[in-house]
Amino acid sequence: MARDQRDLQRLADELAALTPDERTRVLADVQRRSRFRPLPKGFKPPVLKDSRGEWIGGNLRREDIYGDDGR
């Protein structure tokens, strides 16, 4: 992680020194990594519940979700 302007300048110099193909691969890797950020510490996914804490999202039986098409 860049901590100050000198770090950013060094990274920019290194990126500029790459060949166009290497630069493309590096930027593609940066793009890929930015899509998969780790979840924050203590993250809990939202759950659809009513005020009593009961699931209200419908029946989760396989037959009810997929129907009777043999899945």
PDB file of N, CA and C in Angstrom:
ATOM      1  N   MET A   1       0.851  -1.171   0.000  1.00  0.00           N
ATOM      2  CA  MET A   1       0.000   0.000   0.000  1.00  0.00           C
ATOM      3  C   MET A   1       0.898   1.235   0.000  1.00  0.00           C
ATOM      4  N   ALA A   2       0.563   2.197  -0.815  1.00  0.00           N
ATOM      5  CA  ALA A   2       1.325   3.432  -0.872  1.00  0.00           C
ATOM      6  C   ALA A   2       1.025   4.270   0.353  1.00  0.00           C
ATOM      7  N   ARG A   3       2.073   4.653   1.046  1.00  0.00           N
ATOM      8  CA  ARG A   3       1.889   5.406   2.278  1.00  0.00           C
ATOM      9  C   ARG A   3       2.080   6.907   2.074  1.00  0.00           C
ATOM     10  N   ASP A   4       2.854   7.316   1.084  1.00  0.00           N
ATOM     11  CA  ASP A   4       3.044   8.740   0.845  1.00  0.00           C
ATOM     12  C   ASP A   4       3.289   8.988  -0.641  1.00  0.00           C
ATOM     13  N   GLN A   5       3.504  10.240  -1.004  1.00  0.00           N
ATOM     14  CA  GLN A   5       3.676  10.626  -2.399  1.00  0.00           C
ATOM     15  C   GLN A   5       4.886   9.942  -3.040  1.00  0.00           C
ATOM     16  N   ARG A   6       5.962   9.730  -2.277  1.00  0.00           N
ATOM     17  CA  ARG A   6       7.146   9.062  -2.833  1.00  0.00           C
ATOM     18  C   ARG A   6       6.824   7.636  -3.250  1.00  0.00           C
ATOM     19  N   ASP A   7       6.035   6.935  -2.439  1.00  0.00           N
ATOM     20  CA  ASP A   7       5.627   5.573  -2.796  1.00  0.00           C
ATOM     21  C   ASP A   7       4.802   5.568  -4.079  1.00  0.00           C
ATOM     22  N   LEU A   8       3.898   6.520  -4.197  1.00  0.00           N
ATOM     23  CA  LEU A   8       3.074   6.607  -5.400  1.00  0.00           C
ATOM     24  C   LEU A   8       3.932   6.907  -6.625  1.00  0.00           C
ATOM     25  N   GLN A   9       4.913   7.786  -6.474  1.00  0.00           N
ATOM     26  CA  GLN A   9       5.795   8.120  -7.582  1.00  0.00           C
ATOM     27  C   GLN A   9       6.629   6.910  -8.002  1.00  0.00           C
ATOM     28  N   ARG A  10       7.124   6.162  -7.035  1.00  0.00           N
ATOM     29  CA  ARG A  10       7.908   4.962  -7.328  1.00  0.00           C
ATOM     30  C   ARG A  10       7.055   3.950  -8.088  1.00  0.00           C
ATOM     31  N   LEU A  11       5.810   3.745  -7.633  1.00  0.00           N
ATOM     32  CA  LEU A  11       4.917   2.818  -8.332  1.00  0.00           C
ATOM     33  C   LEU A  11       4.626   3.282  -9.758  1.00  0.00           C
ATOM     34  N   ALA A  12       4.414   4.579  -9.923  1.00  0.00           N
ATOM     35  CA  ALA A  12       4.152   5.117 -11.261  1.00  0.00           C
ATOM     36  C   ALA A  12       5.366   4.920 -12.164  1.00  0.00           C
ATOM     37  N   ASP A  13       6.571   5.137 -11.630  1.00  0.00           N
ATOM     38  CA  ASP A  13       7.793   4.934 -12.410  1.00  0.00           C
ATOM     39  C   ASP A  13       7.941   3.473 -12.829  1.00  0.00           C
ATOM     40  N   GLU A  14       7.660   2.563 -11.904  1.00  0.00           N
ATOM     41  CA  GLU A  14       7.764   1.139 -12.223  1.00  0.00           C
ATOM     42  C   GLU A  14       6.728   0.733 -13.276  1.00  0.00           C
ATOM     43  N   LEU A  15       5.526   1.245 -13.154  1.00  0.00           N
ATOM     44  CA  LEU A  15       4.485   0.932 -14.138  1.00  0.00           C
ATOM     45  C   LEU A  15       4.860   1.487 -15.511  1.00  0.00           C
ATOM     46  N   ALA A  16       5.413   2.685 -15.545  1.00  0.00           N
ATOM     47  CA  ALA A  16       5.805   3.294 -16.815  1.00  0.00           C
ATOM     48  C   ALA A  16       6.951   2.534 -17.477  1.00  0.00           C
ATOM     49  N   ALA A  17       7.782   1.871 -16.683  1.00  0.00           N
ATOM     50  CA  ALA A  17       8.926   1.142 -17.223  1.00  0.00           C
ATOM     51  C   ALA A  17       8.534  -0.208 -17.828  1.00  0.00           C
ATOM     52  N   LEU A  18       7.323  -0.657 -17.589  1.00  0.00           N
ATOM     53  CA  LEU A  18       6.884  -1.943 -18.128  1.00  0.00           C
ATOM     54  C   LEU A  18       6.582  -1.835 -19.613  1.00  0.00           C
ATOM     55  N   THR A  19       6.650  -2.968 -20.290  1.00  0.00           N
ATOM     56  CA  THR A  19       6.223  -3.011 -21.687  1.00  0.00           C
ATOM     57  C   THR A  19       4.701  -2.898 -21.718  1.00  0.00           C
ATOM     58  N   PRO A  20       4.119  -2.529 -22.852  1.00  0.00           N
ATOM     59  CA  PRO A  20       2.653  -2.442 -22.918  1.00  0.00           C
ATOM     60  C   PRO A  20       1.960  -3.750 -22.533  1.00  0.00           C
ATOM     61  N   ASP A  21       2.535  -4.884 -22.932  1.00  0.00           N
ATOM     62  CA  ASP A  21       1.939  -6.179 -22.583  1.00  0.00           C
ATOM     63  C   ASP A  21       2.008  -6.425 -21.075  1.00  0.00           C
ATOM     64  N   GLU A  22       3.155  -6.127 -20.469  1.00  0.00           N
ATOM     65  CA  GLU A  22       3.291  -6.309 -19.017  1.00  0.00           C
ATOM     66  C   GLU A  22       2.347  -5.369 -18.268  1.00  0.00           C
ATOM     67  N   ARG A  23       2.235  -4.147 -18.750  1.00  0.00           N
ATOM     68  CA  ARG A  23       1.352  -3.167 -18.115  1.00  0.00           C
ATOM     69  C   ARG A  23      -0.097  -3.638 -18.183  1.00  0.00           C
ATOM     70  N   THR A  24      -0.496  -4.185 -19.313  1.00  0.00           N
ATOM     71  CA  THR A  24      -1.860  -4.703 -19.469  1.00  0.00           C
ATOM     72  C   THR A  24      -2.128  -5.825 -18.483  1.00  0.00           C
ATOM     73  N   ARG A  25      -1.147  -6.739 -18.345  1.00  0.00           N
ATOM     74  CA  ARG A  25      -1.325  -7.854 -17.399  1.00  0.00           C
ATOM     75  C   ARG A  25      -1.413  -7.362 -15.960  1.00  0.00           C
ATOM     76  N   VAL A  26      -0.565  -6.378 -15.599  1.00  0.00           N
ATOM     77  CA  VAL A  26      -0.585  -5.840 -14.230  1.00  0.00           C
ATOM     78  C   VAL A  26      -1.927  -5.165 -13.943  1.00  0.00           C
ATOM     79  N   LEU A  27      -2.387  -4.344 -14.873  1.00  0.00           N
ATOM     80  CA  LEU A  27      -3.660  -3.646 -14.653  1.00  0.00           C
ATOM     81  C   LEU A  27      -4.842  -4.608 -14.626  1.00  0.00           C
ATOM     82  N   ALA A  28      -4.788  -5.678 -15.420  1.00  0.00           N
ATOM     83  CA  ALA A  28      -5.844  -6.693 -15.365  1.00  0.00           C
ATOM     84  C   ALA A  28      -5.847  -7.390 -14.013  1.00  0.00           C
ATOM     85  N   ASP A  29      -4.656  -7.648 -13.474  1.00  0.00           N
ATOM     86  CA  ASP A  29      -4.560  -8.278 -12.161  1.00  0.00           C
ATOM     87  C   ASP A  29      -5.105  -7.354 -11.070  1.00  0.00           C
ATOM     88  N   VAL A  30      -4.808  -6.073 -11.180  1.00  0.00           N
ATOM     89  CA  VAL A  30      -5.336  -5.097 -10.216  1.00  0.00           C
ATOM     90  C   VAL A  30      -6.859  -5.073 -10.279  1.00  0.00           C
ATOM     91  N   GLN A  31      -7.404  -5.064 -11.490  1.00  0.00           N
ATOM     92  CA  GLN A  31      -8.856  -5.062 -11.655  1.00  0.00           C
ATOM     93  C   GLN A  31      -9.479  -6.314 -11.049  1.00  0.00           C
ATOM     94  N   ARG A  32      -8.856  -7.473 -11.295  1.00  0.00           N
ATOM     95  CA  ARG A  32      -9.383  -8.728 -10.759  1.00  0.00           C
ATOM     96  C   ARG A  32      -9.352  -8.720  -9.237  1.00  0.00           C
ATOM     97  N   ARG A  33      -8.283  -8.245  -8.668  1.00  0.00           N
ATOM     98  CA  ARG A  33      -8.163  -8.234  -7.205  1.00  0.00           C
ATOM     99  C   ARG A  33      -9.159  -7.287  -6.556  1.00  0.00           C
ATOM    100  N   SER A  34      -9.455  -6.181  -7.208  1.00  0.00           N
ATOM    101  CA  SER A  34     -10.362  -5.209  -6.593  1.00  0.00           C
ATOM    102  C   SER A  34     -11.790  -5.729  -6.520  1.00  0.00           C
ATOM    103  N   ARG A  35     -12.133  -6.740  -7.331  1.00  0.00           N
ATOM    104  CA  ARG A  35     -13.478  -7.310  -7.293  1.00  0.00           C
ATOM    105  C   ARG A  35     -13.667  -8.277  -6.137  1.00  0.00           C
ATOM    106  N   PHE A  36     -12.599  -8.825  -5.607  1.00  0.00           N
ATOM    107  CA  PHE A  36     -12.692  -9.849  -4.571  1.00  0.00           C
ATOM    108  C   PHE A  36     -12.047  -9.365  -3.280  1.00  0.00           C
ATOM    109  N   ARG A  37     -12.669  -8.400  -2.689  1.00  0.00           N
ATOM    110  CA  ARG A  37     -12.151  -7.876  -1.419  1.00  0.00           C
ATOM    111  C   ARG A  37     -12.614  -8.772  -0.279  1.00  0.00           C
ATOM    112  N   PRO A  38     -11.748  -8.966   0.721  1.00  0.00           N
ATOM    113  CA  PRO A  38     -12.179  -9.783   1.861  1.00  0.00           C
ATOM    114  C   PRO A  38     -13.314  -9.093   2.620  1.00  0.00           C
ATOM    115  N   LEU A  39     -14.158  -9.885   3.236  1.00  0.00           N
ATOM    116  CA  LEU A  39     -15.259  -9.322   4.010  1.00  0.00           C
ATOM    117  C   LEU A  39     -14.712  -8.640   5.255  1.00  0.00           C
ATOM    118  N   PRO A  40     -15.351  -7.571   5.696  1.00  0.00           N
ATOM    119  CA  PRO A  40     -14.903  -6.894   6.910  1.00  0.00           C
ATOM    120  C   PRO A  40     -14.998  -7.813   8.122  1.00  0.00           C
ATOM    121  N   LYS A  41     -14.156  -7.570   9.088  1.00  0.00           N
ATOM    122  CA  LYS A  41     -14.166  -8.361  10.314  1.00  0.00           C
ATOM    123  C   LYS A  41     -15.527  -8.227  10.988  1.00  0.00           C
ATOM    124  N   GLY A  42     -16.086  -9.351  11.367  1.00  0.00           N
ATOM    125  CA  GLY A  42     -17.377  -9.354  12.050  1.00  0.00           C
ATOM    126  C   GLY A  42     -18.575  -9.226  11.111  1.00  0.00           C
ATOM    127  N   PHE A  43     -18.358  -9.328   9.804  1.00  0.00           N
ATOM    128  CA  PHE A  43     -19.457  -9.199   8.848  1.00  0.00           C
ATOM    129  C   PHE A  43     -20.456 -10.339   9.012  1.00  0.00           C
ATOM    130  N   LYS A  44     -21.723  -9.983   9.014  1.00  0.00           N
ATOM    131  CA  LYS A  44     -22.792 -10.978   9.048  1.00  0.00           C
ATOM    132  C   LYS A  44     -23.750 -10.633   7.918  1.00  0.00           C
ATOM    133  N   PRO A  45     -24.028 -11.584   7.037  1.00  0.00           N
ATOM    134  CA  PRO A  45     -24.921 -11.278   5.925  1.00  0.00           C
ATOM    135  C   PRO A  45     -26.332 -10.976   6.416  1.00  0.00           C
ATOM    136  N   PRO A  46     -27.052 -10.114   5.698  1.00  0.00           N
ATOM    137  CA  PRO A  46     -28.423  -9.826   6.110  1.00  0.00           C
ATOM    138  C   PRO A  46     -29.294 -11.063   5.965  1.00  0.00           C
ATOM    139  N   VAL A  47     -30.198 -11.217   6.913  1.00  0.00           N
ATOM    140  CA  VAL A  47     -31.116 -12.356   6.909  1.00  0.00           C
ATOM    141  C   VAL A  47     -32.527 -11.802   6.988  1.00  0.00           C
ATOM    142  N   LEU A  48     -33.385 -12.312   6.132  1.00  0.00           N
ATOM    143  CA  LEU A  48     -34.760 -11.851   6.081  1.00  0.00           C
ATOM    144  C   LEU A  48     -35.543 -12.469   7.238  1.00  0.00           C
ATOM    145  N   LYS A  49     -35.831 -11.672   8.257  1.00  0.00           N
ATOM    146  CA  LYS A  49     -36.546 -12.152   9.443  1.00  0.00           C
ATOM    147  C   LYS A  49     -37.635 -11.155   9.817  1.00  0.00           C
ATOM    148  N   ASP A  50     -38.611 -11.669  10.538  1.00  0.00           N
ATOM    149  CA  ASP A  50     -39.635 -10.762  11.050  1.00  0.00           C
ATOM    150  C   ASP A  50     -39.216 -10.289  12.445  1.00  0.00           C
ATOM    151  N   SER A  51     -40.076  -9.538  13.109  1.00  0.00           N
ATOM    152  CA  SER A  51     -39.734  -8.977  14.415  1.00  0.00           C
ATOM    153  C   SER A  51     -39.528 -10.044  15.489  1.00  0.00           C
ATOM    154  N   ARG A  52     -40.038 -11.264  15.255  1.00  0.00           N
ATOM    155  CA  ARG A  52     -39.839 -12.351  16.224  1.00  0.00           C
ATOM    156  C   ARG A  52     -38.561 -13.120  15.943  1.00  0.00           C
ATOM    157  N   GLY A  53     -37.848 -12.754  14.872  1.00  0.00           N
ATOM    158  CA  GLY A  53     -36.616 -13.442  14.528  1.00  0.00           C
ATOM    159  C   GLY A  53     -36.819 -14.692  13.708  1.00  0.00           C
ATOM    160  N   GLU A  54     -37.991 -14.838  13.098  1.00  0.00           N
ATOM    161  CA  GLU A  54     -38.281 -16.019  12.304  1.00  0.00           C
ATOM    162  C   GLU A  54     -38.079 -15.724  10.821  1.00  0.00           C
ATOM    163  N   TRP A  55     -37.616 -16.722  10.090  1.00  0.00           N
ATOM    164  CA  TRP A  55     -37.400 -16.598   8.647  1.00  0.00           C
ATOM    165  C   TRP A  55     -38.714 -16.315   7.940  1.00  0.00           C
ATOM    166  N   ILE A  56     -38.733 -15.305   7.072  1.00  0.00           N
ATOM    167  CA  ILE A  56     -39.962 -14.970   6.347  1.00  0.00           C
ATOM    168  C   ILE A  56     -39.734 -14.985   4.841  1.00  0.00           C
ATOM    169  N   GLY A  57     -38.654 -15.601   4.385  1.00  0.00           N
ATOM    170  CA  GLY A  57     -38.322 -15.595   2.972  1.00  0.00           C
ATOM    171  C   GLY A  57     -38.970 -16.697   2.168  1.00  0.00           C
ATOM    172  N   GLY A  58     -39.822 -17.473   2.751  1.00  0.00           N
ATOM    173  CA  GLY A  58     -40.482 -18.546   2.025  1.00  0.00           C
ATOM    174  C   GLY A  58     -39.883 -19.902   2.372  1.00  0.00           C
ATOM    175  N   ASN A  59     -40.469 -20.919   1.808  1.00  0.00           N
ATOM    176  CA  ASN A  59     -40.057 -22.291   2.070  1.00  0.00           C
ATOM    177  C   ASN A  59     -38.740 -22.579   1.354  1.00  0.00           C
ATOM    178  N   LEU A  60     -37.818 -23.229   2.020  1.00  0.00           N
ATOM    179  CA  LEU A  60     -36.516 -23.532   1.428  1.00  0.00           C
ATOM    180  C   LEU A  60     -36.363 -25.005   1.043  1.00  0.00           C
ATOM    181  N   ARG A  61     -37.463 -25.730   0.986  1.00  0.00           N
ATOM    182  CA  ARG A  61     -37.372 -27.133   0.559  1.00  0.00           C
ATOM    183  C   ARG A  61     -36.960 -27.200  -0.901  1.00  0.00           C
ATOM    184  N   ARG A  62     -36.142 -28.169  -1.255  1.00  0.00           N
ATOM    185  CA  ARG A  62     -35.663 -28.310  -2.624  1.00  0.00           C
ATOM    186  C   ARG A  62     -36.811 -28.405  -3.609  1.00  0.00           C
ATOM    187  N   GLU A  63     -37.817 -29.163  -3.263  1.00  0.00           N
ATOM    188  CA  GLU A  63     -38.950 -29.356  -4.153  1.00  0.00           C
ATOM    189  C   GLU A  63     -39.686 -28.037  -4.411  1.00  0.00           C
ATOM    190  N   ASP A  64     -39.753 -27.196  -3.393  1.00  0.00           N
ATOM    191  CA  ASP A  64     -40.454 -25.928  -3.551  1.00  0.00           C
ATOM    192  C   ASP A  64     -39.622 -24.919  -4.345  1.00  0.00           C
ATOM    193  N   ILE A  65     -38.316 -24.991  -4.225  1.00  0.00           N
ATOM    194  CA  ILE A  65     -37.450 -24.067  -4.932  1.00  0.00           C
ATOM    195  C   ILE A  65     -37.352 -24.441  -6.418  1.00  0.00           C
ATOM    196  N   TYR A  66     -37.100 -25.724  -6.707  1.00  0.00           N
ATOM    197  CA  TYR A  66     -36.843 -26.166  -8.072  1.00  0.00           C
ATOM    198  C   TYR A  66     -38.060 -26.797  -8.759  1.00  0.00           C
ATOM    199  N   GLY A  67     -39.079 -27.096  -8.027  1.00  0.00           N
ATOM    200  CA  GLY A  67     -40.217 -27.795  -8.612  1.00  0.00           C
ATOM    201  C   GLY A  67     -39.884 -29.275  -8.746  1.00  0.00           C
ATOM    202  N   ASP A  68     -40.651 -29.972  -9.519  1.00  0.00           N
ATOM    203  CA  ASP A  68     -40.464 -31.409  -9.657  1.00  0.00           C
ATOM    204  C   ASP A  68     -39.874 -31.737 -11.023  1.00  0.00           C
ATOM    205  N   ASP A  69     -38.753 -31.099 -11.350  1.00  0.00           N
ATOM    206  CA  ASP A  69     -38.151 -31.360 -12.660  1.00  0.00           C
ATOM    207  C   ASP A  69     -36.902 -32.255 -12.548  1.00  0.00           C
ATOM    208  N   GLY A  70     -36.757 -32.978 -11.455  1.00  0.00           N
ATOM    209  CA  GLY A  70     -35.697 -33.969 -11.329  1.00  0.00           C
ATOM    210  C   GLY A  70     -34.355 -33.436 -10.911  1.00  0.00           C
ATOM    211  N   ARG A  71     -34.275 -32.230 -10.452  1.00  0.00           N
ATOM    212  CA  ARG A  71     -32.973 -31.706 -10.010  1.00  0.00           C
ATOM    213  C   ARG A  71     -32.584 -32.282  -8.685  1.00  0.00           C
TER     214      ARG A  71
END
